[in-house]
Amino acid sequence: MPIKKIKDNPDLVKDTTSQAIINTNTTAIHARRAQLALNIKKENELKEMKDDIAELKSLLKKLGNK
């Protein structure tokens, strides 16, 4: 794969065959992946909490009707 360095950003290279820009900074890539994983985890926790609250509301309504 013939590559060419991007002059303004040393972490980026360009594949001259496909014209793709490739980030070679593995630390930044790993940090971004960790950030995305944390966001997914938070979203899942929030959804679980919303489901739990809905279940509690339902149970309280049933208790109030008896």
N, C-alpha and C. Protein backbone atom coordinates (compact mmCIF):
# COMPACT_ATOMS: atom_id res chain seq x y z
N MET A 1 0.85 -1.17 0.00
CA MET A 1 0.00 0.00 0.00
C MET A 1 0.90 1.24 0.00
N PRO A 2 0.98 1.94 -1.10
CA PRO A 2 1.78 3.17 -1.13
C PRO A 2 1.07 4.28 -0.34
N ILE A 3 1.81 4.90 0.59
CA ILE A 3 1.21 5.95 1.41
C ILE A 3 2.01 7.23 1.30
N LYS A 4 1.34 8.33 1.64
CA LYS A 4 1.96 9.64 1.59
C LYS A 4 1.59 10.37 2.88
N LYS A 5 2.56 10.97 3.54
CA LYS A 5 2.30 11.69 4.78
C LYS A 5 1.52 12.97 4.49
N ILE A 6 0.63 13.30 5.43
CA ILE A 6 -0.11 14.57 5.36
C ILE A 6 0.76 15.62 6.04
N LYS A 7 1.03 16.71 5.36
CA LYS A 7 2.03 17.65 5.87
C LYS A 7 1.61 18.39 7.13
N ASP A 8 0.33 18.73 7.31
CA ASP A 8 -0.11 19.50 8.47
C ASP A 8 -0.42 18.64 9.69
N ASN A 9 -0.51 17.33 9.52
CA ASN A 9 -0.85 16.46 10.63
C ASN A 9 -0.01 15.18 10.54
N PRO A 10 0.98 15.04 11.42
CA PRO A 10 1.88 13.88 11.32
C PRO A 10 1.21 12.55 11.67
N ASP A 11 0.03 12.60 12.32
CA ASP A 11 -0.67 11.36 12.67
C ASP A 11 -1.48 10.79 11.51
N LEU A 12 -1.60 11.51 10.43
CA LEU A 12 -2.41 11.06 9.30
C LEU A 12 -1.53 10.75 8.09
N VAL A 13 -1.92 9.68 7.37
CA VAL A 13 -1.28 9.35 6.10
C VAL A 13 -2.38 9.11 5.08
N LYS A 14 -2.02 9.22 3.81
CA LYS A 14 -2.99 9.03 2.74
C LYS A 14 -2.57 7.83 1.90
N ASP A 15 -3.50 6.91 1.73
CA ASP A 15 -3.28 5.77 0.84
C ASP A 15 -3.46 6.30 -0.58
N THR A 16 -2.40 6.28 -1.35
CA THR A 16 -2.46 6.88 -2.69
C THR A 16 -3.26 6.03 -3.68
N THR A 17 -3.52 4.78 -3.33
CA THR A 17 -4.32 3.92 -4.21
C THR A 17 -5.81 4.21 -4.05
N SER A 18 -6.27 4.19 -2.79
CA SER A 18 -7.71 4.36 -2.55
C SER A 18 -8.08 5.79 -2.17
N GLN A 19 -7.08 6.64 -1.93
CA GLN A 19 -7.27 8.03 -1.51
C GLN A 19 -7.83 8.14 -0.08
N ALA A 20 -7.75 7.05 0.70
CA ALA A 20 -8.25 7.06 2.07
C ALA A 20 -7.24 7.75 2.99
N ILE A 21 -7.77 8.50 3.96
CA ILE A 21 -6.95 9.12 4.99
C ILE A 21 -6.95 8.16 6.19
N ILE A 22 -5.77 7.82 6.68
CA ILE A 22 -5.63 6.83 7.75
C ILE A 22 -4.96 7.47 8.95
N ASN A 23 -5.56 7.30 10.12
CA ASN A 23 -4.99 7.81 11.37
C ASN A 23 -4.02 6.76 11.90
N THR A 24 -2.77 7.15 12.10
CA THR A 24 -1.76 6.22 12.60
C THR A 24 -1.49 6.40 14.09
N ASN A 25 -2.21 7.31 14.75
CA ASN A 25 -2.05 7.55 16.18
C ASN A 25 -2.89 6.53 16.94
N THR A 26 -2.28 5.42 17.30
CA THR A 26 -3.03 4.33 17.95
C THR A 26 -3.54 4.73 19.33
N THR A 27 -2.83 5.60 20.03
CA THR A 27 -3.29 6.05 21.35
C THR A 27 -4.63 6.77 21.23
N ALA A 28 -4.74 7.65 20.25
CA ALA A 28 -5.98 8.39 20.04
C ALA A 28 -7.11 7.45 19.62
N ILE A 29 -6.78 6.47 18.80
CA ILE A 29 -7.80 5.51 18.36
C ILE A 29 -8.32 4.71 19.54
N HIS A 30 -7.41 4.23 20.40
CA HIS A 30 -7.83 3.46 21.57
C HIS A 30 -8.64 4.32 22.54
N ALA A 31 -8.24 5.57 22.71
CA ALA A 31 -8.97 6.47 23.60
C ALA A 31 -10.39 6.71 23.07
N ARG A 32 -10.53 6.89 21.77
CA ARG A 32 -11.85 7.11 21.17
C ARG A 32 -12.73 5.87 21.31
N ARG A 33 -12.15 4.70 21.10
CA ARG A 33 -12.91 3.46 21.25
C ARG A 33 -13.36 3.27 22.70
N ALA A 34 -12.49 3.62 23.64
CA ALA A 34 -12.86 3.52 25.06
C ALA A 34 -13.98 4.50 25.38
N GLN A 35 -13.91 5.69 24.81
CA GLN A 35 -14.96 6.69 25.01
C GLN A 35 -16.29 6.20 24.44
N LEU A 36 -16.27 5.62 23.27
CA LEU A 36 -17.49 5.09 22.66
C LEU A 36 -18.07 3.95 23.50
N ALA A 37 -17.20 3.08 24.01
CA ALA A 37 -17.66 1.97 24.84
C ALA A 37 -18.30 2.50 26.13
N LEU A 38 -17.71 3.54 26.72
CA LEU A 38 -18.26 4.14 27.93
C LEU A 38 -19.62 4.77 27.64
N ASN A 39 -19.76 5.43 26.50
CA ASN A 39 -21.04 6.02 26.12
C ASN A 39 -22.12 4.95 25.95
N ILE A 40 -21.76 3.84 25.34
CA ILE A 40 -22.72 2.74 25.16
C ILE A 40 -23.13 2.18 26.52
N LYS A 41 -22.16 2.03 27.41
CA LYS A 41 -22.45 1.51 28.75
C LYS A 41 -23.40 2.45 29.49
N LYS A 42 -23.15 3.76 29.40
CA LYS A 42 -24.02 4.73 30.06
C LYS A 42 -25.43 4.71 29.47
N GLU A 43 -25.53 4.59 28.16
CA GLU A 43 -26.84 4.52 27.50
C GLU A 43 -27.60 3.29 27.97
N ASN A 44 -26.91 2.15 28.08
CA ASN A 44 -27.55 0.92 28.53
C ASN A 44 -28.01 1.04 29.98
N GLU A 45 -27.19 1.66 30.83
CA GLU A 45 -27.57 1.85 32.23
C GLU A 45 -28.79 2.76 32.33
N LEU A 46 -28.82 3.81 31.53
CA LEU A 46 -29.96 4.73 31.53
C LEU A 46 -31.23 4.02 31.09
N LYS A 47 -31.13 3.21 30.05
CA LYS A 47 -32.30 2.46 29.57
C LYS A 47 -32.79 1.50 30.65
N GLU A 48 -31.86 0.82 31.31
CA GLU A 48 -32.22 -0.11 32.37
C GLU A 48 -32.91 0.63 33.53
N MET A 49 -32.41 1.80 33.87
CA MET A 49 -33.03 2.59 34.94
C MET A 49 -34.45 3.03 34.55
N LYS A 50 -34.61 3.43 33.30
CA LYS A 50 -35.95 3.83 32.83
C LYS A 50 -36.91 2.66 32.88
N ASP A 51 -36.43 1.48 32.49
CA ASP A 51 -37.27 0.29 32.55
C ASP A 51 -37.64 -0.05 33.99
N ASP A 52 -36.68 0.08 34.90
CA ASP A 52 -36.94 -0.19 36.31
C ASP A 52 -37.98 0.79 36.88
N ILE A 53 -37.86 2.05 36.52
CA ILE A 53 -38.81 3.06 37.00
C ILE A 53 -40.20 2.76 36.46
N ALA A 54 -40.29 2.38 35.20
CA ALA A 54 -41.59 2.04 34.62
C ALA A 54 -42.19 0.84 35.34
N GLU A 55 -41.39 -0.14 35.68
CA GLU A 55 -41.87 -1.31 36.40
C GLU A 55 -42.34 -0.93 37.80
N LEU A 56 -41.59 -0.07 38.47
CA LEU A 56 -41.99 0.39 39.81
C LEU A 56 -43.31 1.16 39.76
N LYS A 57 -43.47 2.00 38.75
CA LYS A 57 -44.73 2.74 38.59
C LYS A 57 -45.90 1.78 38.42
N SER A 58 -45.68 0.78 37.59
CA SER A 58 -46.73 -0.21 37.34
C SER A 58 -47.09 -0.93 38.62
N LEU A 59 -46.10 -1.34 39.40
CA LEU A 59 -46.36 -2.03 40.66
C LEU A 59 -47.08 -1.13 41.66
N LEU A 60 -46.71 0.12 41.72
CA LEU A 60 -47.37 1.06 42.63
C LEU A 60 -48.83 1.29 42.23
N LYS A 61 -49.08 1.35 40.94
CA LYS A 61 -50.48 1.50 40.47
C LYS A 61 -51.31 0.29 40.85
N LYS A 62 -50.72 -0.91 40.71
CA LYS A 62 -51.44 -2.13 41.09
C LYS A 62 -51.72 -2.15 42.58
N LEU A 63 -50.76 -1.72 43.39
CA LEU A 63 -50.96 -1.68 44.84
C LEU A 63 -52.03 -0.66 45.23
N GLY A 64 -52.08 0.44 44.49
CA GLY A 64 -53.07 1.48 44.77
C GLY A 64 -54.47 1.06 44.41
N ASN A 65 -54.65 0.13 43.50
CA ASN A 65 -55.98 -0.33 43.06
C ASN A 65 -56.53 -1.38 43.99
N LYS A 66 -55.77 -1.96 44.88
CA LYS A 66 -56.25 -3.04 45.75
C LYS A 66 -56.86 -2.51 47.00
